Amino acid sequence: MKKLVAFIFVLLAVFFMNAPFAGTAEAARVAVVPIQTNDKLVERAADFNGYYWDIMIDKFKYPDYELMDDEKVAAVIPDEGLTSFDQATLTTICEKVDAEIVVAMRLDEIKETPLNFRREPTLETFMKGEFASYNRLTGKYYHKKMYIKGEIEEVLTLRTDWQQQTFASELKRYINRTIEDKEKKKNSRIK
């Protein structure tokens, strides 16, 4: 009886030692191109740079994704930044840094205009820029020219950074469109 219990114990030990490693996939390497901002037309450019990186870190979490080293990605970007956000440019970056996903963004203009002729003082914001991504795993290229316009009552801006919220919601939506195919495939494999 002792031999049987010992044999079962050994089998369980071997099983539990190997179980966490069964079926694990390698993390997709993600190259995030630093955000390009037009400092003359984008107030608080440093803040938007911080928001950009916070969202990237939040959306591309380990173990599904592995963010590549900033210096390695910056080494393949020209000094003047990306002049084109086309698929060929992103594919080249993907190959040079050996990444599966490349994400790039540019902010050309962000302005806030008071609208005082309303019932309540209102602020209007306008964001202009460009977003592009290439997912080598799915072959999906996504490109979006940003022209975002929104309004908010001025009193509501005392408690929130509404420009940041608008920027964050749009950027998260664009990233979701980049990675959604991988998520669908992963969920279909589980079922």
Protein backbone atom coordinates (compact mmCIF):
# COMPACT_ATOMS: atom_id res chain seq x y z
CA MET A 1 0.00 0.00 0.00
CA LYS A 2 2.86 2.35 0.84
CA LYS A 3 4.37 1.72 -2.60
CA LEU A 4 1.07 2.57 -4.29
CA VAL A 5 0.70 5.81 -2.34
CA ALA A 6 4.33 6.72 -3.10
CA PHE A 7 3.81 5.96 -6.80
CA ILE A 8 0.67 8.16 -6.93
CA PHE A 9 2.51 10.92 -5.08
CA VAL A 10 5.36 10.81 -7.62
CA LEU A 11 2.90 10.91 -10.53
CA LEU A 12 1.10 13.90 -9.04
CA ALA A 13 4.39 15.68 -8.35
CA VAL A 14 5.51 15.21 -11.96
CA PHE A 15 2.12 16.33 -13.25
CA PHE A 16 1.98 19.51 -11.13
CA MET A 17 5.56 20.42 -11.93
CA ASN A 18 4.88 20.29 -15.68
CA ALA A 19 1.27 21.54 -15.77
CA PRO A 20 2.02 25.30 -15.71
CA PHE A 21 4.29 24.95 -18.74
CA ALA A 22 1.87 22.98 -20.88
CA GLY A 23 0.20 25.02 -23.58
CA THR A 24 1.95 28.31 -22.90
CA ALA A 25 2.66 30.47 -25.92
CA GLU A 26 5.46 32.91 -26.45
CA ALA A 27 4.61 36.55 -25.79
CA ALA A 28 4.14 38.71 -28.88
CA ARG A 29 6.92 41.30 -29.10
CA VAL A 30 5.52 44.83 -29.46
CA ALA A 31 7.55 47.75 -30.83
CA VAL A 32 6.05 51.05 -29.69
CA VAL A 33 7.35 53.99 -31.71
CA PRO A 34 7.64 57.08 -29.47
CA ILE A 35 4.77 59.49 -30.01
CA GLN A 36 5.56 62.42 -32.28
CA THR A 37 4.07 65.75 -31.19
CA ASN A 38 4.07 69.14 -32.80
CA ASP A 39 5.22 71.19 -29.80
CA LYS A 40 3.99 74.46 -31.35
CA LEU A 41 0.39 73.30 -31.69
CA VAL A 42 0.10 70.75 -28.85
CA GLU A 43 0.00 72.26 -25.39
CA ARG A 44 1.15 69.91 -22.64
CA ALA A 45 2.97 67.67 -25.13
CA ALA A 46 4.90 66.03 -22.27
CA ASP A 47 1.62 65.09 -20.57
CA PHE A 48 0.33 63.41 -23.72
CA ASN A 49 3.62 61.54 -24.05
CA GLY A 50 3.08 60.21 -20.52
CA TYR A 51 -0.54 59.27 -21.25
CA TYR A 52 0.60 57.47 -24.42
CA TRP A 53 3.14 55.30 -22.60
CA ASP A 54 0.76 54.57 -19.72
CA ILE A 55 -1.82 53.25 -22.17
CA MET A 56 0.76 51.18 -24.05
CA ILE A 57 1.96 49.57 -20.83
CA ASP A 58 -1.63 48.91 -19.76
CA LYS A 59 -2.78 47.41 -23.09
CA PHE A 60 0.31 45.32 -23.89
CA LYS A 61 0.69 43.39 -20.64
CA TYR A 62 2.92 40.40 -20.08
CA PRO A 63 2.49 37.36 -20.53
CA ASP A 64 0.53 37.96 -23.75
CA TYR A 65 2.78 40.78 -24.94
CA GLU A 66 6.35 41.87 -24.39
CA LEU A 67 7.20 45.54 -24.92
CA MET A 68 10.51 45.89 -26.71
CA ASP A 69 13.32 48.08 -25.42
CA ASP A 70 12.77 51.76 -26.27
CA GLU A 71 16.38 52.25 -27.35
CA LYS A 72 16.22 49.32 -29.77
CA VAL A 73 13.07 50.75 -31.39
CA ALA A 74 14.38 54.34 -31.44
CA ALA A 75 17.56 53.17 -33.19
CA VAL A 76 15.59 52.24 -36.34
CA ILE A 77 13.50 55.44 -36.42
CA PRO A 78 14.93 58.35 -38.45
CA ASP A 79 15.99 61.45 -36.49
CA GLU A 80 13.12 63.49 -37.95
CA GLY A 81 10.62 60.80 -36.93
CA LEU A 82 8.33 58.82 -39.16
CA THR A 83 7.40 60.75 -42.28
CA SER A 84 4.96 58.08 -43.42
CA PHE A 85 2.65 55.83 -41.48
CA ASP A 86 2.07 53.44 -44.38
CA GLN A 87 2.20 49.66 -44.14
CA ALA A 88 5.61 49.38 -45.81
CA THR A 89 7.22 51.66 -43.21
CA LEU A 90 5.71 49.74 -40.29
CA THR A 91 6.62 46.40 -41.86
CA THR A 92 10.23 47.57 -42.21
CA ILE A 93 10.34 48.58 -38.54
CA CYS A 94 8.79 45.21 -37.63
CA GLU A 95 11.52 43.34 -39.49
CA LYS A 96 14.41 45.49 -38.23
CA VAL A 97 13.54 45.04 -34.55
CA ASP A 98 12.07 41.53 -34.93
CA ALA A 99 8.66 42.46 -33.53
CA GLU A 100 5.24 41.00 -34.18
CA ILE A 101 3.33 44.25 -33.60
CA VAL A 102 4.34 47.86 -34.32
CA VAL A 103 2.38 50.87 -33.05
CA ALA A 104 3.02 54.50 -34.06
CA MET A 105 1.21 57.77 -33.36
CA ARG A 106 1.54 61.47 -34.13
CA LEU A 107 -0.29 64.43 -32.59
CA ASP A 108 -0.35 67.42 -34.92
CA GLU A 109 -2.66 69.74 -33.03
CA ILE A 110 -4.67 69.98 -29.84
CA LYS A 111 -6.55 73.15 -29.09
CA GLU A 112 -9.23 74.21 -26.67
CA THR A 113 -11.64 77.02 -27.53
CA PRO A 114 -14.11 78.64 -25.12
CA LEU A 115 -17.69 78.87 -26.39
CA ASN A 116 -19.28 81.62 -24.30
CA PHE A 117 -22.46 82.10 -26.34
CA ARG A 118 -24.06 78.98 -24.87
CA ARG A 119 -26.39 78.76 -21.90
CA GLU A 120 -23.44 77.55 -19.79
CA PRO A 121 -19.79 78.39 -20.58
CA THR A 122 -18.53 75.53 -22.73
CA LEU A 123 -15.13 74.40 -23.96
CA GLU A 124 -14.54 72.84 -27.34
CA THR A 125 -11.49 70.68 -27.96
CA PHE A 126 -10.03 69.63 -31.26
CA MET A 127 -7.42 66.88 -31.69
CA LYS A 128 -5.71 66.19 -34.97
CA GLY A 129 -3.17 63.46 -35.59
CA GLU A 130 -2.50 60.05 -37.03
CA PHE A 131 -2.31 56.49 -35.72
CA ALA A 132 -1.01 53.39 -37.45
CA SER A 133 -0.26 49.84 -36.43
CA TYR A 134 0.81 46.65 -38.07
CA ASN A 135 0.21 43.20 -36.60
CA ARG A 136 2.49 40.68 -38.29
CA LEU A 137 0.73 37.77 -36.54
CA THR A 138 -2.55 38.52 -38.28
CA GLY A 139 -1.24 40.51 -41.26
CA LYS A 140 -3.52 43.35 -40.21
CA TYR A 141 -2.57 46.96 -40.94
CA TYR A 142 -4.65 49.67 -39.27
CA HIS A 143 -4.37 53.36 -40.12
CA LYS A 144 -6.49 56.19 -38.76
CA LYS A 145 -6.35 59.92 -39.37
CA MET A 146 -7.58 61.56 -36.18
CA TYR A 147 -9.99 64.48 -36.28
CA ILE A 148 -11.65 64.48 -32.89
CA LYS A 149 -13.93 67.27 -31.80
CA GLY A 150 -15.74 67.41 -28.49
CA GLU A 151 -17.51 69.80 -26.15
CA ILE A 152 -17.87 69.94 -22.38
CA GLU A 153 -19.32 72.42 -19.94
CA GLU A 154 -16.50 74.39 -18.40
CA VAL A 155 -17.59 73.67 -14.83
CA LEU A 156 -17.03 69.94 -15.42
CA THR A 157 -13.37 70.46 -16.31
CA LEU A 158 -12.51 71.39 -12.73
CA ARG A 159 -12.61 67.76 -11.62
CA THR A 160 -11.23 65.96 -14.66
CA ASP A 161 -8.69 66.19 -17.44
CA TRP A 162 -11.17 65.70 -20.22
CA GLN A 163 -8.60 66.08 -23.01
CA GLN A 164 -6.68 63.17 -21.50
CA GLN A 165 -9.86 61.10 -21.23
CA THR A 166 -10.74 61.75 -24.88
CA PHE A 167 -7.18 60.95 -25.99
CA ALA A 168 -7.08 57.77 -23.89
CA SER A 169 -10.44 56.44 -25.09
CA GLU A 170 -9.54 56.99 -28.76
CA LEU A 171 -6.07 55.45 -28.40
CA LYS A 172 -7.43 52.39 -26.56
CA ARG A 173 -10.00 51.91 -29.32
CA TYR A 174 -7.29 52.03 -31.99
CA ILE A 175 -5.11 49.53 -30.10
CA ASN A 176 -8.07 47.18 -29.66
CA ARG A 177 -8.53 47.17 -33.42
CA THR A 178 -4.88 46.22 -33.79
CA ILE A 179 -4.96 43.25 -31.43
CA GLU A 180 -8.57 42.07 -31.72
CA ASP A 181 -7.87 39.28 -34.22
CA LYS A 182 -5.36 37.65 -31.88
CA GLU A 183 -7.86 37.81 -29.03
CA LYS A 184 -10.61 36.24 -31.17
CA LYS A 185 -8.30 33.40 -32.22
CA LYS A 186 -7.23 32.86 -28.61
CA ASN A 187 -10.85 32.70 -27.42
CA SER A 188 -11.84 30.32 -30.23
CA ARG A 189 -8.98 27.95 -29.28
CA ILE A 190 -10.18 27.88 -25.67
CA LYS A 191 -13.72 26.81 -26.62
